[in-house]
Amino acid sequence: MKSTGVVRRVDDLGRIVLPIELRHTLDIEEKDALEIYTEGNSIILKKYEPSCIFCGEAGDVIMYKGRNVCRSCILELQGKTPGAGV
């Protein structure tokens, strides 16, 4: 883990402000969703990217009945081979 040297206080509502430089560097825009993870006594924030519920792939994902599914898994569920065309 790399230290940025930035220290922020948690306000009375439990919020922190991410510095603009950090948001620019990590391409985090206003209203973007962040996932929150813990590792030991650390909190990790990661920009949320929807991923397939079956394989975890984040690319080529579509929403189907409220769930994210990638093209490869859709083809597999249909009994087709990925890369053979849809």
PDB file of N, CA and C in Angstrom:
ATOM      1  N   MET A   1       0.847  -1.174   0.000  1.00  0.00           N
ATOM      2  CA  MET A   1       0.000   0.000   0.000  1.00  0.00           C
ATOM      3  C   MET A   1       0.892   1.236   0.000  1.00  0.00           C
ATOM      4  N   LYS A   2       0.536   2.216  -0.814  1.00  0.00           N
ATOM      5  CA  LYS A   2       1.341   3.425  -0.961  1.00  0.00           C
ATOM      6  C   LYS A   2       0.700   4.570  -0.164  1.00  0.00           C
ATOM      7  N   SER A   3       1.480   5.255   0.646  1.00  0.00           N
ATOM      8  CA  SER A   3       0.985   6.383   1.423  1.00  0.00           C
ATOM      9  C   SER A   3       0.954   7.633   0.552  1.00  0.00           C
ATOM     10  N   THR A   4      -0.129   8.417   0.674  1.00  0.00           N
ATOM     11  CA  THR A   4      -0.234   9.675  -0.070  1.00  0.00           C
ATOM     12  C   THR A   4       0.247  10.842   0.769  1.00  0.00           C
ATOM     13  N   GLY A   5       0.374  10.642   2.069  1.00  0.00           N
ATOM     14  CA  GLY A   5       0.777  11.728   2.966  1.00  0.00           C
ATOM     15  C   GLY A   5      -0.378  12.638   3.339  1.00  0.00           C
ATOM     16  N   VAL A   6      -1.575  12.346   2.848  1.00  0.00           N
ATOM     17  CA  VAL A   6      -2.754  13.165   3.129  1.00  0.00           C
ATOM     18  C   VAL A   6      -3.468  12.603   4.350  1.00  0.00           C
ATOM     19  N   VAL A   7      -3.832  13.497   5.275  1.00  0.00           N
ATOM     20  CA  VAL A   7      -4.575  13.092   6.471  1.00  0.00           C
ATOM     21  C   VAL A   7      -5.884  13.873   6.485  1.00  0.00           C
ATOM     22  N   ARG A   8      -6.976  13.183   6.695  1.00  0.00           N
ATOM     23  CA  ARG A   8      -8.293  13.821   6.782  1.00  0.00           C
ATOM     24  C   ARG A   8      -8.989  13.354   8.045  1.00  0.00           C
ATOM     25  N   ARG A   9      -9.774  14.225   8.647  1.00  0.00           N
ATOM     26  CA  ARG A   9     -10.554  13.867   9.830  1.00  0.00           C
ATOM     27  C   ARG A   9     -11.954  13.416   9.417  1.00  0.00           C
ATOM     28  N   VAL A  10     -12.515  12.494  10.172  1.00  0.00           N
ATOM     29  CA  VAL A  10     -13.896  12.056   9.971  1.00  0.00           C
ATOM     30  C   VAL A  10     -14.793  13.083  10.652  1.00  0.00           C
ATOM     31  N   ASP A  11     -15.838  13.571   9.930  1.00  0.00           N
ATOM     32  CA  ASP A  11     -16.719  14.565  10.549  1.00  0.00           C
ATOM     33  C   ASP A  11     -17.760  13.879  11.433  1.00  0.00           C
ATOM     34  N   ASP A  12     -18.634  14.665  12.041  1.00  0.00           N
ATOM     35  CA  ASP A  12     -19.594  14.110  12.997  1.00  0.00           C
ATOM     36  C   ASP A  12     -20.633  13.202  12.345  1.00  0.00           C
ATOM     37  N   LEU A  13     -20.739  13.202  11.017  1.00  0.00           N
ATOM     38  CA  LEU A  13     -21.641  12.293  10.308  1.00  0.00           C
ATOM     39  C   LEU A  13     -20.902  11.087   9.736  1.00  0.00           C
ATOM     40  N   GLY A  14     -19.606  10.963  10.041  1.00  0.00           N
ATOM     41  CA  GLY A  14     -18.817   9.823   9.586  1.00  0.00           C
ATOM     42  C   GLY A  14     -18.238   9.978   8.192  1.00  0.00           C
ATOM     43  N   ARG A  15     -18.225  11.199   7.670  1.00  0.00           N
ATOM     44  CA  ARG A  15     -17.748  11.441   6.309  1.00  0.00           C
ATOM     45  C   ARG A  15     -16.295  11.886   6.304  1.00  0.00           C
ATOM     46  N   ILE A  16     -15.628  11.598   5.176  1.00  0.00           N
ATOM     47  CA  ILE A  16     -14.296  12.135   4.910  1.00  0.00           C
ATOM     48  C   ILE A  16     -14.325  12.748   3.516  1.00  0.00           C
ATOM     49  N   VAL A  17     -13.417  13.661   3.245  1.00  0.00           N
ATOM     50  CA  VAL A  17     -13.312  14.279   1.928  1.00  0.00           C
ATOM     51  C   VAL A  17     -12.086  13.703   1.229  1.00  0.00           C
ATOM     52  N   LEU A  18     -12.286  13.215  -0.005  1.00  0.00           N
ATOM     53  CA  LEU A  18     -11.160  12.738  -0.803  1.00  0.00           C
ATOM     54  C   LEU A  18     -10.575  13.937  -1.537  1.00  0.00           C
ATOM     55  N   PRO A  19      -9.280  14.175  -1.405  1.00  0.00           N
ATOM     56  CA  PRO A  19      -8.666  15.330  -2.064  1.00  0.00           C
ATOM     57  C   PRO A  19      -8.868  15.294  -3.578  1.00  0.00           C
ATOM     58  N   ILE A  20      -9.059  16.470  -4.176  1.00  0.00           N
ATOM     59  CA  ILE A  20      -9.309  16.585  -5.607  1.00  0.00           C
ATOM     60  C   ILE A  20      -8.191  15.964  -6.434  1.00  0.00           C
ATOM     61  N   GLU A  21      -6.945  16.115  -5.996  1.00  0.00           N
ATOM     62  CA  GLU A  21      -5.820  15.540  -6.731  1.00  0.00           C
ATOM     63  C   GLU A  21      -5.945  14.019  -6.805  1.00  0.00           C
ATOM     64  N   LEU A  22      -6.346  13.410  -5.705  1.00  0.00           N
ATOM     65  CA  LEU A  22      -6.518  11.957  -5.642  1.00  0.00           C
ATOM     66  C   LEU A  22      -7.683  11.522  -6.529  1.00  0.00           C
ATOM     67  N   ARG A  23      -8.786  12.284  -6.496  1.00  0.00           N
ATOM     68  CA  ARG A  23      -9.936  11.964  -7.345  1.00  0.00           C
ATOM     69  C   ARG A  23      -9.574  12.065  -8.822  1.00  0.00           C
ATOM     70  N   HIS A  24      -8.783  13.070  -9.188  1.00  0.00           N
ATOM     71  CA  HIS A  24      -8.356  13.202 -10.583  1.00  0.00           C
ATOM     72  C   HIS A  24      -7.455  12.039 -10.973  1.00  0.00           C
ATOM     73  N   THR A  25      -6.505  11.710 -10.135  1.00  0.00           N
ATOM     74  CA  THR A  25      -5.562  10.628 -10.411  1.00  0.00           C
ATOM     75  C   THR A  25      -6.286   9.293 -10.600  1.00  0.00           C
ATOM     76  N   LEU A  26      -7.304   9.043  -9.773  1.00  0.00           N
ATOM     77  CA  LEU A  26      -8.014   7.759  -9.816  1.00  0.00           C
ATOM     78  C   LEU A  26      -9.290   7.812 -10.644  1.00  0.00           C
ATOM     79  N   ASP A  27      -9.507   8.920 -11.364  1.00  0.00           N
ATOM     80  CA  ASP A  27     -10.673   9.096 -12.228  1.00  0.00           C
ATOM     81  C   ASP A  27     -11.985   8.877 -11.465  1.00  0.00           C
ATOM     82  N   ILE A  28     -12.084   9.489 -10.295  1.00  0.00           N
ATOM     83  CA  ILE A  28     -13.301   9.422  -9.487  1.00  0.00           C
ATOM     84  C   ILE A  28     -14.039  10.742  -9.647  1.00  0.00           C
ATOM     85  N   GLU A  29     -15.248  10.659 -10.198  1.00  0.00           N
ATOM     86  CA  GLU A  29     -16.061  11.837 -10.445  1.00  0.00           C
ATOM     87  C   GLU A  29     -17.139  11.969  -9.368  1.00  0.00           C
ATOM     88  N   GLU A  30     -17.728  13.156  -9.289  1.00  0.00           N
ATOM     89  CA  GLU A  30     -18.849  13.375  -8.384  1.00  0.00           C
ATOM     90  C   GLU A  30     -19.954  12.374  -8.726  1.00  0.00           C
ATOM     91  N   LYS A  31     -20.551  11.776  -7.724  1.00  0.00           N
ATOM     92  CA  LYS A  31     -21.634  10.785  -7.835  1.00  0.00           C
ATOM     93  C   LYS A  31     -21.154   9.380  -8.199  1.00  0.00           C
ATOM     94  N   ASP A  32     -19.849   9.162  -8.413  1.00  0.00           N
ATOM     95  CA  ASP A  32     -19.355   7.804  -8.664  1.00  0.00           C
ATOM     96  C   ASP A  32     -19.552   6.954  -7.420  1.00  0.00           C
ATOM     97  N   ALA A  33     -19.811   5.677  -7.626  1.00  0.00           N
ATOM     98  CA  ALA A  33     -19.961   4.740  -6.513  1.00  0.00           C
ATOM     99  C   ALA A  33     -18.587   4.177  -6.142  1.00  0.00           C
ATOM    100  N   LEU A  34     -18.352   3.999  -4.855  1.00  0.00           N
ATOM    101  CA  LEU A  34     -17.119   3.390  -4.361  1.00  0.00           C
ATOM    102  C   LEU A  34     -17.474   2.151  -3.557  1.00  0.00           C
ATOM    103  N   GLU A  35     -16.712   1.087  -3.740  1.00  0.00           N
ATOM    104  CA  GLU A  35     -16.866  -0.111  -2.921  1.00  0.00           C
ATOM    105  C   GLU A  35     -15.963   0.035  -1.706  1.00  0.00           C
ATOM    106  N   ILE A  36     -16.399  -0.496  -0.585  1.00  0.00           N
ATOM    107  CA  ILE A  36     -15.635  -0.407   0.652  1.00  0.00           C
ATOM    108  C   ILE A  36     -15.238  -1.813   1.085  1.00  0.00           C
ATOM    109  N   TYR A  37     -13.947  -2.018   1.265  1.00  0.00           N
ATOM    110  CA  TYR A  37     -13.395  -3.291   1.711  1.00  0.00           C
ATOM    111  C   TYR A  37     -12.632  -3.066   3.014  1.00  0.00           C
ATOM    112  N   THR A  38     -12.446  -4.127   3.763  1.00  0.00           N
ATOM    113  CA  THR A  38     -11.559  -4.071   4.917  1.00  0.00           C
ATOM    114  C   THR A  38     -10.511  -5.161   4.772  1.00  0.00           C
ATOM    115  N   GLU A  39      -9.327  -4.860   5.254  1.00  0.00           N
ATOM    116  CA  GLU A  39      -8.225  -5.820   5.265  1.00  0.00           C
ATOM    117  C   GLU A  39      -7.467  -5.581   6.556  1.00  0.00           C
ATOM    118  N   GLY A  40      -7.632  -6.506   7.502  1.00  0.00           N
ATOM    119  CA  GLY A  40      -7.056  -6.280   8.829  1.00  0.00           C
ATOM    120  C   GLY A  40      -7.690  -5.046   9.422  1.00  0.00           C
ATOM    121  N   ASN A  41      -6.876  -4.066   9.808  1.00  0.00           N
ATOM    122  CA  ASN A  41      -7.430  -2.833  10.374  1.00  0.00           C
ATOM    123  C   ASN A  41      -7.418  -1.684   9.361  1.00  0.00           C
ATOM    124  N   SER A  42      -7.360  -2.030   8.074  1.00  0.00           N
ATOM    125  CA  SER A  42      -7.356  -1.016   7.009  1.00  0.00           C
ATOM    126  C   SER A  42      -8.699  -0.977   6.297  1.00  0.00           C
ATOM    127  N   ILE A  43      -9.081   0.199   5.820  1.00  0.00           N
ATOM    128  CA  ILE A  43     -10.263   0.381   4.991  1.00  0.00           C
ATOM    129  C   ILE A  43      -9.776   0.698   3.586  1.00  0.00           C
ATOM    130  N   ILE A  44     -10.303  -0.014   2.611  1.00  0.00           N
ATOM    131  CA  ILE A  44      -9.899   0.165   1.221  1.00  0.00           C
ATOM    132  C   ILE A  44     -11.109   0.641   0.430  1.00  0.00           C
ATOM    133  N   LEU A  45     -10.950   1.750  -0.288  1.00  0.00           N
ATOM    134  CA  LEU A  45     -11.995   2.273  -1.162  1.00  0.00           C
ATOM    135  C   LEU A  45     -11.597   1.972  -2.601  1.00  0.00           C
ATOM    136  N   LYS A  46     -12.540   1.466  -3.396  1.00  0.00           N
ATOM    137  CA  LYS A  46     -12.273   1.142  -4.790  1.00  0.00           C
ATOM    138  C   LYS A  46     -13.438   1.636  -5.631  1.00  0.00           C
ATOM    139  N   LYS A  47     -13.127   2.273  -6.756  1.00  0.00           N
ATOM    140  CA  LYS A  47     -14.182   2.725  -7.646  1.00  0.00           C
ATOM    141  C   LYS A  47     -14.989   1.510  -8.085  1.00  0.00           C
ATOM    142  N   TYR A  48     -16.302   1.614  -7.953  1.00  0.00           N
ATOM    143  CA  TYR A  48     -17.173   0.486  -8.271  1.00  0.00           C
ATOM    144  C   TYR A  48     -17.270   0.282  -9.771  1.00  0.00           C
ATOM    145  N   GLU A  49     -17.036  -0.933 -10.202  1.00  0.00           N
ATOM    146  CA  GLU A  49     -17.221  -1.334 -11.586  1.00  0.00           C
ATOM    147  C   GLU A  49     -18.072  -2.592 -11.571  1.00  0.00           C
ATOM    148  N   PRO A  50     -19.247  -2.544 -12.203  1.00  0.00           N
ATOM    149  CA  PRO A  50     -20.108  -3.729 -12.197  1.00  0.00           C
ATOM    150  C   PRO A  50     -19.384  -4.919 -12.816  1.00  0.00           C
ATOM    151  N   SER A  51     -19.579  -6.096 -12.254  1.00  0.00           N
ATOM    152  CA  SER A  51     -18.934  -7.292 -12.785  1.00  0.00           C
ATOM    153  C   SER A  51     -19.941  -8.429 -12.852  1.00  0.00           C
ATOM    154  N   CYS A  52     -19.610  -9.438 -13.632  1.00  0.00           N
ATOM    155  CA  CYS A  52     -20.470 -10.595 -13.862  1.00  0.00           C
ATOM    156  C   CYS A  52     -20.687 -11.375 -12.560  1.00  0.00           C
ATOM    157  N   ILE A  53     -21.941 -11.750 -12.307  1.00  0.00           N
ATOM    158  CA  ILE A  53     -22.240 -12.496 -11.076  1.00  0.00           C
ATOM    159  C   ILE A  53     -21.699 -13.915 -11.117  1.00  0.00           C
ATOM    160  N   PHE A  54     -21.377 -14.419 -12.312  1.00  0.00           N
ATOM    161  CA  PHE A  54     -20.881 -15.782 -12.434  1.00  0.00           C
ATOM    162  C   PHE A  54     -19.358 -15.877 -12.386  1.00  0.00           C
ATOM    163  N   CYS A  55     -18.671 -15.047 -13.203  1.00  0.00           N
ATOM    164  CA  CYS A  55     -17.216 -15.194 -13.314  1.00  0.00           C
ATOM    165  C   CYS A  55     -16.430 -14.016 -12.746  1.00  0.00           C
ATOM    166  N   GLY A  56     -17.108 -12.889 -12.458  1.00  0.00           N
ATOM    167  CA  GLY A  56     -16.426 -11.725 -11.899  1.00  0.00           C
ATOM    168  C   GLY A  56     -15.805 -10.804 -12.935  1.00  0.00           C
ATOM    169  N   GLU A  57     -15.909 -11.140 -14.218  1.00  0.00           N
ATOM    170  CA  GLU A  57     -15.369 -10.310 -15.294  1.00  0.00           C
ATOM    171  C   GLU A  57     -16.066  -8.955 -15.307  1.00  0.00           C
ATOM    172  N   ALA A  58     -15.277  -7.879 -15.481  1.00  0.00           N
ATOM    173  CA  ALA A  58     -15.850  -6.532 -15.453  1.00  0.00           C
ATOM    174  C   ALA A  58     -16.081  -5.968 -16.851  1.00  0.00           C
ATOM    175  N   GLY A  59     -15.575  -6.614 -17.874  1.00  0.00           N
ATOM    176  CA  GLY A  59     -15.741  -6.103 -19.229  1.00  0.00           C
ATOM    177  C   GLY A  59     -16.920  -6.732 -19.931  1.00  0.00           C
ATOM    178  N   ASP A  60     -17.556  -5.998 -20.841  1.00  0.00           N
ATOM    179  CA  ASP A  60     -18.656  -6.493 -21.664  1.00  0.00           C
ATOM    180  C   ASP A  60     -19.810  -7.039 -20.811  1.00  0.00           C
ATOM    181  N   VAL A  61     -20.190  -6.303 -19.775  1.00  0.00           N
ATOM    182  CA  VAL A  61     -21.231  -6.734 -18.846  1.00  0.00           C
ATOM    183  C   VAL A  61     -22.545  -6.040 -19.193  1.00  0.00           C
ATOM    184  N   ILE A  62     -23.632  -6.813 -19.180  1.00  0.00           N
ATOM    185  CA  ILE A  62     -24.960  -6.234 -19.380  1.00  0.00           C
ATOM    186  C   ILE A  62     -25.830  -6.564 -18.174  1.00  0.00           C
ATOM    187  N   MET A  63     -26.876  -5.777 -17.980  1.00  0.00           N
ATOM    188  CA  MET A  63     -27.814  -6.015 -16.892  1.00  0.00           C
ATOM    189  C   MET A  63     -28.928  -6.920 -17.417  1.00  0.00           C
ATOM    190  N   TYR A  64     -29.142  -8.059 -16.767  1.00  0.00           N
ATOM    191  CA  TYR A  64     -30.210  -8.969 -17.145  1.00  0.00           C
ATOM    192  C   TYR A  64     -31.015  -9.302 -15.897  1.00  0.00           C
ATOM    193  N   LYS A  65     -32.266  -8.895 -15.887  1.00  0.00           N
ATOM    194  CA  LYS A  65     -33.173  -9.120 -14.751  1.00  0.00           C
ATOM    195  C   LYS A  65     -32.545  -8.676 -13.438  1.00  0.00           C
ATOM    196  N   GLY A  66     -31.921  -7.487 -13.464  1.00  0.00           N
ATOM    197  CA  GLY A  66     -31.351  -6.905 -12.258  1.00  0.00           C
ATOM    198  C   GLY A  66     -29.996  -7.449 -11.856  1.00  0.00           C
ATOM    199  N   ARG A  67     -29.399  -8.291 -12.689  1.00  0.00           N
ATOM    200  CA  ARG A  67     -28.087  -8.880 -12.390  1.00  0.00           C
ATOM    201  C   ARG A  67     -27.117  -8.589 -13.527  1.00  0.00           C
ATOM    202  N   ASN A  68     -25.836  -8.420 -13.202  1.00  0.00           N
ATOM    203  CA  ASN A  68     -24.804  -8.194 -14.209  1.00  0.00           C
ATOM    204  C   ASN A  68     -24.274  -9.539 -14.704  1.00  0.00           C
ATOM    205  N   VAL A  69     -24.309  -9.714 -16.027  1.00  0.00           N
ATOM    206  CA  VAL A  69     -23.826 -10.948 -16.642  1.00  0.00           C
ATOM    207  C   VAL A  69     -22.970 -10.575 -17.860  1.00  0.00           C
ATOM    208  N   CYS A  70     -21.807 -11.220 -17.997  1.00  0.00           N
ATOM    209  CA  CYS A  70     -20.935 -10.919 -19.142  1.00  0.00           C
ATOM    210  C   CYS A  70     -21.346 -11.748 -20.358  1.00  0.00           C
ATOM    211  N   ARG A  71     -20.887 -11.301 -21.525  1.00  0.00           N
ATOM    212  CA  ARG A  71     -21.234 -11.948 -22.780  1.00  0.00           C
ATOM    213  C   ARG A  71     -20.782 -13.418 -22.805  1.00  0.00           C
ATOM    214  N   SER A  72     -19.596 -13.703 -22.292  1.00  0.00           N
ATOM    215  CA  SER A  72     -19.093 -15.085 -22.289  1.00  0.00           C
ATOM    216  C   SER A  72     -19.997 -16.011 -21.489  1.00  0.00           C
ATOM    217  N   CYS A  73     -20.458 -15.553 -20.339  1.00  0.00           N
ATOM    218  CA  CYS A  73     -21.327 -16.398 -19.507  1.00  0.00           C
ATOM    219  C   CYS A  73     -22.710 -16.557 -20.134  1.00  0.00           C
ATOM    220  N   ILE A  74     -23.200 -15.510 -20.808  1.00  0.00           N
ATOM    221  CA  ILE A  74     -24.482 -15.624 -21.518  1.00  0.00           C
ATOM    222  C   ILE A  74     -24.372 -16.697 -22.591  1.00  0.00           C
ATOM    223  N   LEU A  75     -23.277 -16.653 -23.364  1.00  0.00           N
ATOM    224  CA  LEU A  75     -23.074 -17.657 -24.409  1.00  0.00           C
ATOM    225  C   LEU A  75     -22.947 -19.053 -23.808  1.00  0.00           C
ATOM    226  N   GLU A  76     -22.241 -19.166 -22.716  1.00  0.00           N
ATOM    227  CA  GLU A  76     -22.080 -20.468 -22.055  1.00  0.00           C
ATOM    228  C   GLU A  76     -23.427 -20.998 -21.573  1.00  0.00           C
ATOM    229  N   LEU A  77     -24.243 -20.114 -21.004  1.00  0.00           N
ATOM    230  CA  LEU A  77     -25.575 -20.522 -20.543  1.00  0.00           C
ATOM    231  C   LEU A  77     -26.462 -20.961 -21.712  1.00  0.00           C
ATOM    232  N   GLN A  78     -26.236 -20.369 -22.877  1.00  0.00           N
ATOM    233  CA  GLN A  78     -26.989 -20.732 -24.070  1.00  0.00           C
ATOM    234  C   GLN A  78     -26.410 -21.981 -24.748  1.00  0.00           C
ATOM    235  N   GLY A  79     -25.296 -22.473 -24.228  1.00  0.00           N
ATOM    236  CA  GLY A  79     -24.669 -23.642 -24.825  1.00  0.00           C
ATOM    237  C   GLY A  79     -23.833 -23.329 -26.043  1.00  0.00           C
ATOM    238  N   LYS A  80     -23.454 -22.053 -26.200  1.00  0.00           N
ATOM    239  CA  LYS A  80     -22.641 -21.624 -27.327  1.00  0.00           C
ATOM    240  C   LYS A  80     -21.215 -21.384 -26.879  1.00  0.00           C
ATOM    241  N   THR A  81     -20.287 -21.341 -27.813  1.00  0.00           N
ATOM    242  CA  THR A  81     -18.889 -21.114 -27.521  1.00  0.00           C
ATOM    243  C   THR A  81     -18.574 -19.635 -27.626  1.00  0.00           C
ATOM    244  N   PRO A  82     -17.961 -19.021 -26.579  1.00  0.00           N
ATOM    245  CA  PRO A  82     -17.566 -17.618 -26.689  1.00  0.00           C
ATOM    246  C   PRO A  82     -16.625 -17.412 -27.868  1.00  0.00           C
ATOM    247  N   GLY A  83     -16.816 -16.290 -28.592  1.00  0.00           N
ATOM    248  CA  GLY A  83     -15.969 -15.981 -29.750  1.00  0.00           C
ATOM    249  C   GLY A  83     -16.550 -16.480 -31.048  1.00  0.00           C
ATOM    250  N   ALA A  84     -17.602 -17.312 -30.995  1.00  0.00           N
ATOM    251  CA  ALA A  84     -18.195 -17.870 -32.206  1.00  0.00           C
ATOM    252  C   ALA A  84     -19.292 -16.962 -32.775  1.00  0.00           C
ATOM    253  N   GLY A  85     -19.536 -15.832 -32.138  1.00  0.00           N
ATOM    254  CA  GLY A  85     -20.592 -14.923 -32.601  1.00  0.00           C
ATOM    255  C   GLY A  85     -21.899 -15.206 -31.904  1.00  0.00           C
ATOM    256  N   VAL A  86     -22.745 -14.194 -31.854  1.00  0.00           N
ATOM    257  CA  VAL A  86     -24.027 -14.361 -31.140  1.00  0.00           C
ATOM    258  C   VAL A  86     -25.157 -14.450 -32.129  1.00  0.00           C
TER     259      VAL A  86
END
